Amino acid sequence: MSRPHPALVVGILLLIAACVLPGIRFADLAGTSLPHQDAPPHLVEQHAADVAAAEHRLLVAVAVAAVLAVLGVTAVAHGWRQRRPAERGRR
């Protein structure tokens, strides 16, 4: 049994991270976006600021996830190309 190329493992881990990172931030936004019922004005302003900050963190997480996904796909493709000729030689 052959060992996977390290680039394949790294690429798969990067793709997993690219999927998990926005999910965590989305859960943060979902929890923050629930408003207080009949809140005084200062709490409404604080809530609006908290939601805006959570939205910003989500957008940053999506941008980072996009970069991680591109790097992951590139690493998987590189690892796949490096692995394929060695398998063909053994057949």
Protein backbone atom coordinates (compact mmCIF):
# COMPACT_ATOMS: atom_id res chain seq x y z
CA MET A 1 0.00 0.00 0.00
CA SER A 2 1.41 3.36 -0.96
CA ARG A 3 1.64 6.35 1.31
CA PRO A 4 -0.21 9.46 0.16
CA HIS A 5 1.90 12.34 -1.05
CA PRO A 6 2.26 14.99 1.72
CA ALA A 7 0.77 17.62 -0.59
CA LEU A 8 -2.42 15.56 -0.80
CA VAL A 9 -2.74 15.46 2.97
CA VAL A 10 -2.02 19.17 3.34
CA GLY A 11 -4.43 20.01 0.53
CA ILE A 12 -7.23 18.00 2.08
CA LEU A 13 -6.62 19.62 5.47
CA LEU A 14 -6.71 23.07 3.85
CA LEU A 15 -10.00 22.24 2.13
CA ILE A 16 -11.50 21.07 5.41
CA ALA A 17 -10.34 24.27 7.12
CA ALA A 18 -11.85 26.29 4.27
CA CYS A 19 -15.22 24.66 4.94
CA VAL A 20 -15.14 24.86 8.75
CA LEU A 21 -13.90 28.43 9.20
CA PRO A 22 -16.94 30.24 7.71
CA GLY A 23 -19.28 27.84 9.49
CA ILE A 24 -17.88 28.83 12.87
CA ARG A 25 -18.22 32.52 12.09
CA PHE A 26 -21.72 32.02 10.69
CA ALA A 27 -22.76 30.38 13.96
CA ASP A 28 -21.33 33.39 15.80
CA LEU A 29 -23.36 35.74 13.60
CA ALA A 30 -26.53 33.68 14.05
CA GLY A 31 -26.17 33.81 17.83
CA THR A 32 -25.39 37.51 17.86
CA SER A 33 -28.17 38.54 15.50
CA LEU A 34 -31.00 37.60 17.86
CA PRO A 35 -32.24 40.94 19.25
CA HIS A 36 -33.34 41.66 22.80
CA GLN A 37 -37.08 42.05 23.14
CA ASP A 38 -38.18 45.60 24.09
CA ALA A 39 -34.60 46.71 24.63
CA PRO A 40 -33.68 50.24 25.68
CA PRO A 41 -31.98 52.42 23.03
CA HIS A 42 -28.44 51.90 24.35
CA LEU A 43 -28.86 48.11 24.06
CA VAL A 44 -30.24 48.45 20.54
CA GLU A 45 -27.16 50.46 19.54
CA GLN A 46 -24.85 47.93 21.21
CA HIS A 47 -26.66 45.09 19.45
CA ALA A 48 -26.32 46.80 16.08
CA ALA A 49 -22.58 47.27 16.67
CA ASP A 50 -22.21 43.62 17.71
CA VAL A 51 -24.03 42.41 14.60
CA ALA A 52 -21.94 44.66 12.35
CA ALA A 53 -18.74 43.32 13.93
CA ALA A 54 -19.93 39.71 13.53
CA GLU A 55 -20.79 40.36 9.86
CA HIS A 56 -17.32 41.81 9.31
CA ARG A 57 -15.69 38.77 10.95
CA LEU A 58 -17.81 36.50 8.72
CA LEU A 59 -16.70 38.35 5.57
CA VAL A 60 -13.06 38.11 6.61
CA ALA A 61 -13.50 34.40 7.34
CA VAL A 62 -15.04 33.84 3.89
CA ALA A 63 -12.13 35.66 2.23
CA VAL A 64 -9.59 33.61 4.18
CA ALA A 65 -11.53 30.44 3.38
CA ALA A 66 -11.42 31.27 -0.33
CA VAL A 67 -7.63 31.62 -0.17
CA LEU A 68 -7.36 28.36 1.81
CA ALA A 69 -9.57 26.60 -0.74
CA VAL A 70 -7.43 27.76 -3.66
CA LEU A 71 -4.27 26.66 -1.84
CA GLY A 72 -5.91 23.35 -0.95
CA VAL A 73 -6.99 22.61 -4.51
CA THR A 74 -3.52 23.54 -5.75
CA ALA A 75 -1.86 21.26 -3.18
CA VAL A 76 -4.20 18.37 -3.99
CA ALA A 77 -3.55 18.77 -7.72
CA HIS A 78 0.21 18.90 -7.13
CA GLY A 79 0.11 15.85 -4.86
CA TRP A 80 -2.06 13.95 -7.30
CA ARG A 81 0.34 14.68 -10.18
CA GLN A 82 3.33 13.62 -8.08
CA ARG A 83 1.63 10.42 -6.98
CA ARG A 84 0.27 9.22 -10.33
CA PRO A 85 3.52 8.36 -12.19
CA ALA A 86 4.77 6.22 -9.30
CA GLU A 87 1.57 4.17 -9.32
CA ARG A 88 1.68 3.65 -13.09
CA GLY A 89 5.20 2.24 -12.84
CA ARG A 90 4.14 -0.45 -10.37
CA ARG A 91 1.33 -1.89 -12.50
